[in-house]
Amino acid sequence: GRSDYTRFVILGRSRVGSNLLRGLLNAHPQVAAFGEIFRDDKCLDWDPLGYFQTEGMRSLVQQDPVRFLDMKVLGRYPSPVRAVGFKLFYYHARAGAQAAVWPYLRARRDLKVIHLKRRNLLQTHLSRKRAALTDRWVNTSGQPDNSVVVRLDYEECFNDFVQTRAWEEQADRYFADHATVQVEYERLSSDYRTEARVIQEF
């Protein structure tokens, strides 16, 4: 195996196109982009890459998440692999032993940050509400899902908008010393070939 590959994190929040981005990255045979591995410390969300979820691995991520990252996520890989990363939302790994993940990643200056944002915060909020109502979090058909009528509360929208922008600014400051590429969902979804090329070169 090799350890001289590019390590990256897809940074963002829910409903900003992270599954679209992961799908594009994983379509490349030399890239492994894992899912929200710190969303729930009881069930590792590797997503479709098919990694094992053994009791020992769950115990490791619960008790020593930094060692878990070093050994299981950012360890050695077969020589064809050129880039490995995972999704990390602003509110993941914030409590207990997992809180050590953030300073660990900040200290790794070899880590590249793909900061994924969505310009239209109303669509982000609406998508989140609709997914919560339908329990459909991934759309693989590409067809719009407008079958559910959602009523949005002004105060809830406003607070979500403010929180999202605050998260974005905090994350940019936190990883200010890292190589970072800013990716916008609207550009990615309308011209994914150009955006994917930029991300691959990064």
N, C-alpha and C. Protein backbone atom coordinates (compact mmCIF):
# COMPACT_ATOMS: atom_id res chain seq x y z
N GLY A 1 0.80 -1.20 0.00
CA GLY A 1 0.00 0.00 0.00
C GLY A 1 0.84 1.26 0.00
N ARG A 2 0.20 2.38 -0.20
CA ARG A 2 0.88 3.66 -0.27
C ARG A 2 0.22 4.64 0.70
N SER A 3 1.01 5.60 1.16
CA SER A 3 0.48 6.65 2.02
C SER A 3 0.68 8.03 1.41
N ASP A 4 1.32 8.09 0.23
CA ASP A 4 1.61 9.39 -0.40
C ASP A 4 0.50 9.77 -1.40
N TYR A 5 -0.72 9.84 -0.89
CA TYR A 5 -1.85 10.25 -1.72
C TYR A 5 -2.44 11.54 -1.13
N THR A 6 -3.32 12.17 -1.88
CA THR A 6 -3.98 13.39 -1.40
C THR A 6 -5.08 13.04 -0.42
N ARG A 7 -5.05 13.68 0.73
CA ARG A 7 -6.11 13.51 1.73
C ARG A 7 -7.01 14.75 1.70
N PHE A 8 -8.31 14.53 1.74
CA PHE A 8 -9.22 15.67 1.65
C PHE A 8 -10.44 15.45 2.53
N VAL A 9 -11.12 16.55 2.81
CA VAL A 9 -12.40 16.50 3.51
C VAL A 9 -13.39 17.35 2.73
N ILE A 10 -14.62 16.84 2.59
CA ILE A 10 -15.71 17.61 2.00
C ILE A 10 -16.44 18.27 3.16
N LEU A 11 -16.28 19.55 3.28
CA LEU A 11 -16.81 20.30 4.42
C LEU A 11 -18.09 21.01 4.01
N GLY A 12 -19.10 20.95 4.88
CA GLY A 12 -20.35 21.64 4.56
C GLY A 12 -21.44 21.30 5.54
N ARG A 13 -22.67 21.37 5.05
CA ARG A 13 -23.84 21.02 5.84
C ARG A 13 -24.75 20.16 4.97
N SER A 14 -25.85 19.71 5.52
CA SER A 14 -26.77 18.90 4.73
C SER A 14 -27.44 19.72 3.64
N ARG A 15 -27.84 19.05 2.56
CA ARG A 15 -28.63 19.61 1.47
C ARG A 15 -27.91 20.68 0.67
N VAL A 16 -26.60 20.53 0.52
CA VAL A 16 -25.84 21.46 -0.34
C VAL A 16 -25.19 20.73 -1.51
N GLY A 17 -25.57 19.47 -1.75
CA GLY A 17 -25.05 18.74 -2.90
C GLY A 17 -23.88 17.84 -2.61
N SER A 18 -23.69 17.45 -1.34
CA SER A 18 -22.52 16.62 -1.01
C SER A 18 -22.62 15.22 -1.61
N ASN A 19 -23.84 14.68 -1.77
CA ASN A 19 -23.97 13.37 -2.40
C ASN A 19 -23.66 13.45 -3.89
N LEU A 20 -24.06 14.53 -4.53
CA LEU A 20 -23.70 14.75 -5.94
C LEU A 20 -22.19 14.81 -6.09
N LEU A 21 -21.55 15.57 -5.23
CA LEU A 21 -20.09 15.71 -5.31
C LEU A 21 -19.40 14.38 -5.05
N ARG A 22 -19.84 13.65 -4.03
CA ARG A 22 -19.24 12.35 -3.75
C ARG A 22 -19.42 11.39 -4.92
N GLY A 23 -20.58 11.42 -5.54
CA GLY A 23 -20.83 10.56 -6.69
C GLY A 23 -19.86 10.85 -7.83
N LEU A 24 -19.63 12.14 -8.08
CA LEU A 24 -18.68 12.52 -9.13
C LEU A 24 -17.27 12.07 -8.79
N LEU A 25 -16.87 12.28 -7.53
CA LEU A 25 -15.52 11.89 -7.12
C LEU A 25 -15.33 10.37 -7.19
N ASN A 26 -16.31 9.63 -6.71
CA ASN A 26 -16.19 8.17 -6.69
C ASN A 26 -16.31 7.55 -8.06
N ALA A 27 -16.76 8.32 -9.05
CA ALA A 27 -16.77 7.82 -10.42
C ALA A 27 -15.35 7.71 -10.98
N HIS A 28 -14.40 8.37 -10.32
CA HIS A 28 -13.00 8.29 -10.73
C HIS A 28 -12.36 7.09 -10.05
N PRO A 29 -11.73 6.18 -10.80
CA PRO A 29 -11.20 4.95 -10.20
C PRO A 29 -10.04 5.16 -9.23
N GLN A 30 -9.47 6.36 -9.19
CA GLN A 30 -8.34 6.61 -8.29
C GLN A 30 -8.73 7.41 -7.06
N VAL A 31 -10.05 7.59 -6.85
CA VAL A 31 -10.53 8.38 -5.73
C VAL A 31 -11.45 7.55 -4.85
N ALA A 32 -11.31 7.69 -3.54
CA ALA A 32 -12.24 7.09 -2.58
C ALA A 32 -12.79 8.22 -1.71
N ALA A 33 -14.07 8.50 -1.85
CA ALA A 33 -14.72 9.56 -1.07
C ALA A 33 -15.80 8.93 -0.21
N PHE A 34 -15.54 8.86 1.09
CA PHE A 34 -16.46 8.22 2.02
C PHE A 34 -17.57 9.18 2.43
N GLY A 35 -18.57 8.63 3.11
CA GLY A 35 -19.72 9.41 3.52
C GLY A 35 -19.53 10.12 4.85
N GLU A 36 -20.62 10.28 5.57
CA GLU A 36 -20.62 11.02 6.83
C GLU A 36 -20.21 10.08 7.97
N ILE A 37 -18.94 9.77 8.03
CA ILE A 37 -18.48 8.74 8.97
C ILE A 37 -18.58 9.18 10.42
N PHE A 38 -18.78 10.46 10.68
CA PHE A 38 -18.94 10.94 12.07
C PHE A 38 -20.34 11.47 12.34
N ARG A 39 -21.29 11.07 11.51
CA ARG A 39 -22.68 11.49 11.74
C ARG A 39 -23.26 10.80 12.97
N ASP A 40 -22.90 9.54 13.17
CA ASP A 40 -23.45 8.75 14.27
C ASP A 40 -22.37 7.79 14.73
N ASP A 41 -21.97 7.88 15.98
CA ASP A 41 -20.87 7.04 16.45
C ASP A 41 -21.28 5.59 16.68
N LYS A 42 -22.56 5.26 16.46
CA LYS A 42 -23.02 3.89 16.63
C LYS A 42 -23.10 3.14 15.31
N CYS A 43 -23.08 3.89 14.20
CA CYS A 43 -23.18 3.25 12.88
C CYS A 43 -22.37 4.06 11.88
N LEU A 44 -21.28 3.48 11.40
CA LEU A 44 -20.39 4.20 10.49
C LEU A 44 -21.03 4.35 9.12
N ASP A 45 -21.17 5.57 8.69
CA ASP A 45 -21.82 5.84 7.40
C ASP A 45 -20.76 5.92 6.30
N TRP A 46 -20.24 4.73 5.94
CA TRP A 46 -19.26 4.70 4.85
C TRP A 46 -19.91 5.06 3.53
N ASP A 47 -21.22 4.83 3.44
CA ASP A 47 -21.99 4.96 2.21
C ASP A 47 -21.64 3.84 1.26
N PRO A 48 -21.76 4.01 -0.06
CA PRO A 48 -21.78 2.82 -0.91
C PRO A 48 -20.43 2.17 -1.18
N LEU A 49 -19.37 2.57 -0.50
CA LEU A 49 -18.07 1.97 -0.81
C LEU A 49 -17.89 0.59 -0.18
N GLY A 50 -18.85 0.15 0.63
CA GLY A 50 -18.89 -1.23 1.07
C GLY A 50 -17.88 -1.62 2.12
N TYR A 51 -17.49 -0.73 2.98
CA TYR A 51 -16.53 -1.08 4.03
C TYR A 51 -17.25 -1.75 5.19
N PHE A 52 -16.51 -2.60 5.89
CA PHE A 52 -17.09 -3.35 7.00
C PHE A 52 -17.43 -2.44 8.17
N GLN A 53 -18.45 -2.87 8.92
CA GLN A 53 -18.83 -2.17 10.14
C GLN A 53 -18.75 -3.17 11.29
N THR A 54 -17.53 -3.54 11.64
CA THR A 54 -17.34 -4.51 12.71
C THR A 54 -17.51 -3.84 14.07
N GLU A 55 -17.73 -4.67 15.09
CA GLU A 55 -17.86 -4.14 16.44
C GLU A 55 -16.58 -3.46 16.88
N GLY A 56 -15.42 -4.04 16.48
CA GLY A 56 -14.14 -3.43 16.82
C GLY A 56 -13.95 -2.07 16.20
N MET A 57 -14.43 -1.91 14.96
CA MET A 57 -14.30 -0.62 14.29
C MET A 57 -15.21 0.41 14.92
N ARG A 58 -16.43 0.01 15.29
CA ARG A 58 -17.34 0.93 15.96
C ARG A 58 -16.78 1.35 17.32
N SER A 59 -16.17 0.40 18.01
CA SER A 59 -15.57 0.71 19.31
C SER A 59 -14.42 1.70 19.13
N LEU A 60 -13.63 1.51 18.07
CA LEU A 60 -12.50 2.39 17.82
C LEU A 60 -12.95 3.82 17.53
N VAL A 61 -13.98 3.96 16.71
CA VAL A 61 -14.44 5.31 16.36
C VAL A 61 -15.09 5.99 17.56
N GLN A 62 -15.64 5.23 18.47
CA GLN A 62 -16.26 5.81 19.67
C GLN A 62 -15.21 6.23 20.70
N GLN A 63 -14.14 5.42 20.85
CA GLN A 63 -13.18 5.65 21.92
C GLN A 63 -11.95 6.43 21.47
N ASP A 64 -11.51 6.22 20.23
CA ASP A 64 -10.30 6.88 19.74
C ASP A 64 -10.48 7.25 18.27
N PRO A 65 -11.30 8.25 17.98
CA PRO A 65 -11.59 8.59 16.59
C PRO A 65 -10.38 9.05 15.79
N VAL A 66 -9.38 9.62 16.44
CA VAL A 66 -8.17 10.04 15.73
C VAL A 66 -7.41 8.82 15.23
N ARG A 67 -7.28 7.81 16.08
CA ARG A 67 -6.64 6.56 15.66
C ARG A 67 -7.45 5.88 14.55
N PHE A 68 -8.77 5.96 14.66
CA PHE A 68 -9.65 5.43 13.62
C PHE A 68 -9.36 6.10 12.28
N LEU A 69 -9.21 7.43 12.29
CA LEU A 69 -8.89 8.14 11.06
C LEU A 69 -7.54 7.70 10.51
N ASP A 70 -6.54 7.63 11.38
CA ASP A 70 -5.19 7.26 10.94
C ASP A 70 -5.13 5.86 10.37
N MET A 71 -5.84 4.93 11.01
CA MET A 71 -5.74 3.53 10.62
C MET A 71 -6.71 3.12 9.52
N LYS A 72 -7.98 3.56 9.65
CA LYS A 72 -9.04 3.03 8.80
C LYS A 72 -9.46 3.94 7.66
N VAL A 73 -9.28 5.23 7.82
CA VAL A 73 -9.74 6.16 6.80
C VAL A 73 -8.59 6.75 5.99
N LEU A 74 -7.56 7.23 6.69
CA LEU A 74 -6.45 7.91 6.02
C LEU A 74 -5.16 7.11 6.16
N GLY A 75 -5.28 5.80 6.20
CA GLY A 75 -4.12 4.92 6.32
C GLY A 75 -3.51 4.61 4.96
N ARG A 76 -3.02 3.39 4.81
CA ARG A 76 -2.38 2.99 3.55
C ARG A 76 -3.42 2.42 2.59
N TYR A 77 -3.20 2.68 1.30
CA TYR A 77 -4.12 2.22 0.26
C TYR A 77 -3.35 1.58 -0.88
N PRO A 78 -4.00 0.74 -1.68
CA PRO A 78 -3.34 0.17 -2.86
C PRO A 78 -2.80 1.27 -3.76
N SER A 79 -1.74 0.96 -4.47
CA SER A 79 -1.01 1.98 -5.22
C SER A 79 -1.83 2.76 -6.24
N PRO A 80 -2.90 2.21 -6.86
CA PRO A 80 -3.66 3.04 -7.81
C PRO A 80 -4.40 4.21 -7.18
N VAL A 81 -4.64 4.17 -5.88
CA VAL A 81 -5.42 5.22 -5.22
C VAL A 81 -4.59 6.50 -5.12
N ARG A 82 -5.17 7.61 -5.56
CA ARG A 82 -4.46 8.89 -5.56
C ARG A 82 -5.06 9.92 -4.61
N ALA A 83 -6.32 9.69 -4.17
CA ALA A 83 -6.97 10.67 -3.27
C ALA A 83 -8.01 9.96 -2.42
N VAL A 84 -8.04 10.30 -1.12
CA VAL A 84 -8.99 9.69 -0.18
C VAL A 84 -9.54 10.79 0.72
N GLY A 85 -10.85 10.78 0.95
CA GLY A 85 -11.45 11.77 1.83
C GLY A 85 -12.81 11.33 2.31
N PHE A 86 -13.48 12.23 3.03
CA PHE A 86 -14.79 11.92 3.59
C PHE A 86 -15.56 13.20 3.82
N LYS A 87 -16.87 13.05 4.05
CA LYS A 87 -17.73 14.20 4.33
C LYS A 87 -17.69 14.53 5.81
N LEU A 88 -17.63 15.81 6.12
CA LEU A 88 -17.70 16.27 7.49
C LEU A 88 -18.59 17.51 7.53
N PHE A 89 -19.73 17.39 8.19
CA PHE A 89 -20.62 18.54 8.32
C PHE A 89 -20.20 19.35 9.55
N TYR A 90 -20.56 20.61 9.56
CA TYR A 90 -20.13 21.54 10.61
C TYR A 90 -20.47 21.04 12.01
N TYR A 91 -21.55 20.30 12.12
CA TYR A 91 -22.06 19.87 13.43
C TYR A 91 -21.70 18.42 13.75
N HIS A 92 -20.90 17.77 12.91
CA HIS A 92 -20.45 16.42 13.20
C HIS A 92 -19.28 16.44 14.19
N ALA A 93 -19.15 15.36 14.96
CA ALA A 93 -18.00 15.15 15.85
C ALA A 93 -17.76 16.34 16.78
N ARG A 94 -18.80 16.78 17.44
CA ARG A 94 -18.69 17.95 18.31
C ARG A 94 -18.75 17.61 19.80
N ALA A 95 -19.03 16.34 20.13
CA ALA A 95 -19.19 15.98 21.54
C ALA A 95 -18.38 14.75 21.88
N GLY A 96 -18.06 14.62 23.16
CA GLY A 96 -17.37 13.44 23.65
C GLY A 96 -16.01 13.23 23.01
N ALA A 97 -15.63 11.97 22.86
CA ALA A 97 -14.31 11.63 22.30
C ALA A 97 -14.17 12.13 20.87
N GLN A 98 -15.30 12.19 20.13
CA GLN A 98 -15.21 12.59 18.72
C GLN A 98 -14.82 14.05 18.53
N ALA A 99 -14.95 14.86 19.56
CA ALA A 99 -14.57 16.27 19.43
C ALA A 99 -13.09 16.43 19.09
N ALA A 100 -12.29 15.39 19.33
CA ALA A 100 -10.86 15.43 19.01
C ALA A 100 -10.61 15.44 17.50
N VAL A 101 -11.62 15.10 16.73
CA VAL A 101 -11.46 15.02 15.27
C VAL A 101 -11.11 16.39 14.68
N TRP A 102 -11.78 17.45 15.13
CA TRP A 102 -11.57 18.77 14.54
C TRP A 102 -10.14 19.29 14.73
N PRO A 103 -9.60 19.33 15.95
CA PRO A 103 -8.21 19.78 16.08
C PRO A 103 -7.21 18.89 15.37
N TYR A 104 -7.51 17.59 15.29
CA TYR A 104 -6.63 16.68 14.56
C TYR A 104 -6.58 17.08 13.08
N LEU A 105 -7.73 17.31 12.48
CA LEU A 105 -7.77 17.68 11.06
C LEU A 105 -7.13 19.05 10.84
N ARG A 106 -7.35 19.96 11.77
CA ARG A 106 -6.75 21.29 11.63
C ARG A 106 -5.23 21.21 11.68
N ALA A 107 -4.70 20.30 12.49
CA ALA A 107 -3.25 20.17 12.63
C ALA A 107 -2.61 19.49 11.42
N ARG A 108 -3.41 18.77 10.64
CA ARG A 108 -2.88 18.10 9.45
C ARG A 108 -2.83 19.09 8.29
N ARG A 109 -1.70 19.67 8.07
CA ARG A 109 -1.57 20.67 7.00
C ARG A 109 -1.57 20.04 5.61
N ASP A 110 -1.43 18.70 5.56
CA ASP A 110 -1.49 18.03 4.26
C ASP A 110 -2.93 17.77 3.83
N LEU A 111 -3.89 18.07 4.69
CA LEU A 111 -5.30 17.84 4.38
C LEU A 111 -5.83 18.97 3.50
N LYS A 112 -6.46 18.61 2.40
CA LYS A 112 -7.08 19.60 1.53
C LYS A 112 -8.57 19.69 1.85
N VAL A 113 -9.10 20.88 1.78
CA VAL A 113 -10.48 21.14 2.16
C VAL A 113 -11.30 21.52 0.93
N ILE A 114 -12.34 20.75 0.67
CA ILE A 114 -13.32 21.10 -0.36
C ILE A 114 -14.52 21.67 0.39
N HIS A 115 -14.66 22.99 0.38
CA HIS A 115 -15.74 23.62 1.15
C HIS A 115 -16.94 23.81 0.23
N LEU A 116 -17.96 23.02 0.47
CA LEU A 116 -19.14 22.99 -0.39
C LEU A 116 -20.25 23.85 0.22
N LYS A 117 -20.74 24.80 -0.57
CA LYS A 117 -21.77 25.71 -0.10
C LYS A 117 -22.90 25.78 -1.13
N ARG A 118 -24.01 26.32 -0.69
CA ARG A 118 -25.14 26.54 -1.60
C ARG A 118 -25.57 27.99 -1.48
N ARG A 119 -25.61 28.68 -2.59
CA ARG A 119 -25.93 30.10 -2.59
C ARG A 119 -27.38 30.34 -2.13
N ASN A 120 -28.30 29.48 -2.58
CA ASN A 120 -29.71 29.65 -2.28
C ASN A 120 -30.04 28.96 -0.96
N LEU A 121 -30.02 29.71 0.14
CA LEU A 121 -30.28 29.14 1.45
C LEU A 121 -31.73 28.71 1.62
N LEU A 122 -32.64 29.36 0.91
CA LEU A 122 -34.04 28.95 0.99
C LEU A 122 -34.22 27.54 0.44
N GLN A 123 -33.57 27.25 -0.69
CA GLN A 123 -33.65 25.91 -1.26
C GLN A 123 -33.00 24.88 -0.35
N THR A 124 -31.91 25.28 0.31
CA THR A 124 -31.27 24.37 1.27
C THR A 124 -32.23 24.01 2.38
N HIS A 125 -32.87 25.02 2.95
CA HIS A 125 -33.80 24.81 4.06
C HIS A 125 -35.00 23.99 3.61
N LEU A 126 -35.56 24.33 2.45
CA LEU A 126 -36.70 23.60 1.92
C LEU A 126 -36.35 22.13 1.67
N SER A 127 -35.19 21.89 1.09
CA SER A 127 -34.75 20.52 0.81
C SER A 127 -34.62 19.71 2.09
N ARG A 128 -34.09 20.37 3.13
CA ARG A 128 -33.93 19.69 4.42
C ARG A 128 -35.29 19.34 5.03
N LYS A 129 -36.24 20.26 4.97
CA LYS A 129 -37.57 20.01 5.51
C LYS A 129 -38.28 18.91 4.72
N ARG A 130 -38.15 18.95 3.40
CA ARG A 130 -38.82 17.96 2.57
C ARG A 130 -38.23 16.57 2.82
N ALA A 131 -36.92 16.49 2.92
CA ALA A 131 -36.27 15.19 3.16
C ALA A 131 -36.68 14.62 4.52
N ALA A 132 -36.80 15.49 5.52
CA ALA A 132 -37.20 15.04 6.85
C ALA A 132 -38.63 14.51 6.83
N LEU A 133 -39.50 15.12 6.04
CA LEU A 133 -40.89 14.69 5.97
C LEU A 133 -41.04 13.37 5.22
N THR A 134 -40.25 13.19 4.17
CA THR A 134 -40.39 12.01 3.31
C THR A 134 -39.40 10.89 3.65
N ASP A 135 -38.37 11.23 4.43
CA ASP A 135 -37.27 10.30 4.73
C ASP A 135 -36.57 9.85 3.45
N ARG A 136 -36.56 10.71 2.45
CA ARG A 136 -35.79 10.47 1.21
C ARG A 136 -34.67 11.50 1.16
N TRP A 137 -33.46 11.05 1.42
CA TRP A 137 -32.33 11.96 1.56
C TRP A 137 -31.43 12.01 0.33
N VAL A 138 -31.59 11.05 -0.56
CA VAL A 138 -30.76 10.99 -1.76
C VAL A 138 -31.65 10.83 -2.98
N ASN A 139 -31.40 11.64 -3.99
CA ASN A 139 -32.14 11.57 -5.25
C ASN A 139 -31.19 11.10 -6.33
N THR A 140 -31.35 9.85 -6.76
CA THR A 140 -30.45 9.32 -7.80
C THR A 140 -31.07 9.39 -9.19
N SER A 141 -32.35 9.80 -9.28
CA SER A 141 -33.01 9.86 -10.58
C SER A 141 -32.74 11.17 -11.30
N GLY A 142 -32.44 12.23 -10.54
CA GLY A 142 -32.22 13.54 -11.15
C GLY A 142 -33.51 14.30 -11.39
N GLN A 143 -34.65 13.67 -11.12
CA GLN A 143 -35.94 14.33 -11.33
C GLN A 143 -36.34 15.11 -10.09
N PRO A 144 -36.90 16.30 -10.25
CA PRO A 144 -37.32 17.08 -9.08
C PRO A 144 -38.44 16.36 -8.33
N ASP A 145 -38.38 16.44 -7.01
CA ASP A 145 -39.38 15.81 -6.16
C ASP A 145 -40.23 16.90 -5.51
N ASN A 146 -41.33 17.22 -6.17
CA ASN A 146 -42.19 18.29 -5.67
C ASN A 146 -43.52 17.74 -5.16
N SER A 147 -43.53 16.46 -4.79
CA SER A 147 -44.79 15.80 -4.42
C SER A 147 -45.26 16.18 -3.02
N VAL A 148 -44.37 16.76 -2.22
CA VAL A 148 -44.73 17.07 -0.84
C VAL A 148 -44.85 18.59 -0.68
N VAL A 149 -45.97 19.02 -0.13
CA VAL A 149 -46.17 20.44 0.15
C VAL A 149 -45.58 20.73 1.53
N VAL A 150 -44.71 21.73 1.59
CA VAL A 150 -44.03 22.07 2.83
C VAL A 150 -44.36 23.52 3.19
N ARG A 151 -44.79 23.72 4.43
CA ARG A 151 -45.03 25.07 4.91
C ARG A 151 -43.81 25.52 5.71
N LEU A 152 -43.23 26.64 5.34
CA LEU A 152 -42.02 27.14 5.98
C LEU A 152 -42.34 28.29 6.92
N ASP A 153 -41.76 28.24 8.08
CA ASP A 153 -41.94 29.28 9.08
C ASP A 153 -40.86 30.35 8.91
N TYR A 154 -41.27 31.63 8.97
CA TYR A 154 -40.31 32.72 8.75
C TYR A 154 -39.16 32.68 9.74
N GLU A 155 -39.46 32.61 11.03
CA GLU A 155 -38.41 32.63 12.05
C GLU A 155 -37.46 31.45 11.90
N GLU A 156 -38.02 30.29 11.60
CA GLU A 156 -37.17 29.10 11.42
C GLU A 156 -36.24 29.27 10.23
N CYS A 157 -36.77 29.80 9.13
CA CYS A 157 -35.94 30.08 7.95
C CYS A 157 -34.83 31.07 8.29
N PHE A 158 -35.22 32.16 8.91
CA PHE A 158 -34.25 33.21 9.23
C PHE A 158 -33.13 32.66 10.11
N ASN A 159 -33.49 31.93 11.15
CA ASN A 159 -32.49 31.37 12.06
C ASN A 159 -31.58 30.38 11.35
N ASP A 160 -32.15 29.58 10.45
CA ASP A 160 -31.36 28.61 9.69
C ASP A 160 -30.39 29.32 8.76
N PHE A 161 -30.84 30.40 8.11
CA PHE A 161 -29.97 31.16 7.21
C PHE A 161 -28.78 31.74 7.98
N VAL A 162 -29.08 32.36 9.12
CA VAL A 162 -28.03 32.98 9.93
C VAL A 162 -27.05 31.92 10.43
N GLN A 163 -27.58 30.79 10.90
CA GLN A 163 -26.72 29.72 11.40
C GLN A 163 -25.81 29.17 10.31
N THR A 164 -26.38 28.96 9.13
CA THR A 164 -25.59 28.39 8.03
C THR A 164 -24.45 29.31 7.63
N ARG A 165 -24.73 30.60 7.49
CA ARG A 165 -23.66 31.54 7.12
C ARG A 165 -22.60 31.62 8.23
N ALA A 166 -23.03 31.54 9.48
CA ALA A 166 -22.07 31.56 10.59
C ALA A 166 -21.19 30.32 10.55
N TRP A 167 -21.78 29.16 10.30
CA TRP A 167 -21.00 27.92 10.17
C TRP A 167 -19.96 28.05 9.06
N GLU A 168 -20.40 28.58 7.92
CA GLU A 168 -19.49 28.71 6.78
C GLU A 168 -18.29 29.59 7.11
N GLU A 169 -18.57 30.73 7.72
CA GLU A 169 -17.49 31.66 8.06
C GLU A 169 -16.57 31.07 9.12
N GLN A 170 -17.11 30.41 10.10
CA GLN A 170 -16.29 29.77 11.14
C GLN A 170 -15.39 28.70 10.54
N ALA A 171 -15.94 27.92 9.63
CA ALA A 171 -15.15 26.85 9.01
C ALA A 171 -14.03 27.42 8.14
N ASP A 172 -14.31 28.50 7.41
CA ASP A 172 -13.27 29.13 6.60
C ASP A 172 -12.13 29.64 7.48
N ARG A 173 -12.49 30.21 8.62
CA ARG A 173 -11.44 30.68 9.55
C ARG A 173 -10.68 29.52 10.16
N TYR A 174 -11.39 28.47 10.51
CA TYR A 174 -10.77 27.33 11.20
C TYR A 174 -9.72 26.66 10.31
N PHE A 175 -10.01 26.56 9.02
CA PHE A 175 -9.08 25.91 8.09
C PHE A 175 -8.37 26.94 7.19
N ALA A 176 -8.16 28.13 7.71
CA ALA A 176 -7.56 29.20 6.91
C ALA A 176 -6.16 28.86 6.43
N ASP A 177 -5.43 28.02 7.16
CA ASP A 177 -4.07 27.67 6.79
C ASP A 177 -3.99 26.46 5.88
N HIS A 178 -5.11 25.93 5.45
CA HIS A 178 -5.14 24.75 4.59
C HIS A 178 -5.42 25.14 3.14
N ALA A 179 -4.93 24.31 2.25
CA ALA A 179 -5.31 24.45 0.84
C ALA A 179 -6.81 24.18 0.74
N THR A 180 -7.55 25.14 0.20
CA THR A 180 -9.01 25.05 0.17
C THR A 180 -9.53 25.43 -1.20
N VAL A 181 -10.54 24.70 -1.66
CA VAL A 181 -11.26 25.10 -2.85
C VAL A 181 -12.72 25.30 -2.46
N GLN A 182 -13.29 26.43 -2.88
CA GLN A 182 -14.68 26.75 -2.59
C GLN A 182 -15.54 26.23 -3.75
N VAL A 183 -16.49 25.37 -3.44
CA VAL A 183 -17.36 24.79 -4.46
C VAL A 183 -18.80 25.20 -4.16
N GLU A 184 -19.47 25.69 -5.17
CA GLU A 184 -20.85 26.14 -5.01
C GLU A 184 -21.79 25.16 -5.71
N TYR A 185 -22.81 24.73 -4.99
CA TYR A 185 -23.74 23.73 -5.52
C TYR A 185 -24.34 24.17 -6.86
N GLU A 186 -24.71 25.43 -6.95
CA GLU A 186 -25.35 25.89 -8.19
C GLU A 186 -24.44 25.72 -9.40
N ARG A 187 -23.16 25.98 -9.24
CA ARG A 187 -22.22 25.78 -10.36
C ARG A 187 -22.00 24.29 -10.60
N LEU A 188 -21.88 23.53 -9.52
CA LEU A 188 -21.63 22.09 -9.65
C LEU A 188 -22.77 21.40 -10.37
N SER A 189 -24.00 21.75 -10.04
CA SER A 189 -25.15 21.08 -10.63
C SER A 189 -25.43 21.53 -12.07
N SER A 190 -25.03 22.75 -12.42
CA SER A 190 -25.31 23.25 -13.77
C SER A 190 -24.17 22.96 -14.74
N ASP A 191 -22.94 22.81 -14.23
CA ASP A 191 -21.78 22.57 -15.10
C ASP A 191 -20.80 21.66 -14.36
N TYR A 192 -21.24 20.44 -14.10
CA TYR A 192 -20.43 19.56 -13.26
C TYR A 192 -19.12 19.16 -13.93
N ARG A 193 -19.06 19.15 -15.25
CA ARG A 193 -17.80 18.78 -15.92
C ARG A 193 -16.70 19.79 -15.59
N THR A 194 -17.00 21.06 -15.72
CA THR A 194 -16.01 22.09 -15.41
C THR A 194 -15.63 22.07 -13.95
N GLU A 195 -16.62 21.99 -13.07
CA GLU A 195 -16.36 22.00 -11.64
C GLU A 195 -15.59 20.76 -11.20
N ALA A 196 -15.92 19.61 -11.75
CA ALA A 196 -15.22 18.38 -11.40
C ALA A 196 -13.76 18.46 -11.83
N ARG A 197 -13.51 19.09 -12.97
CA ARG A 197 -12.13 19.24 -13.43
C ARG A 197 -11.33 20.12 -12.47
N VAL A 198 -11.95 21.20 -12.01
CA VAL A 198 -11.28 22.09 -11.04
C VAL A 198 -10.96 21.33 -9.77
N ILE A 199 -11.93 20.55 -9.28
CA ILE A 199 -11.72 19.80 -8.04
C ILE A 199 -10.65 18.73 -8.22
N GLN A 200 -10.65 18.04 -9.33
CA GLN A 200 -9.62 17.03 -9.59
C GLN A 200 -8.23 17.64 -9.64
N GLU A 201 -8.11 18.78 -10.30
CA GLU A 201 -6.80 19.44 -10.36
C GLU A 201 -6.36 19.88 -8.97
N PHE A 202 -7.32 20.34 -8.16
CA PHE A 202 -7.03 20.74 -6.79
C PHE A 202 -6.53 19.54 -5.98
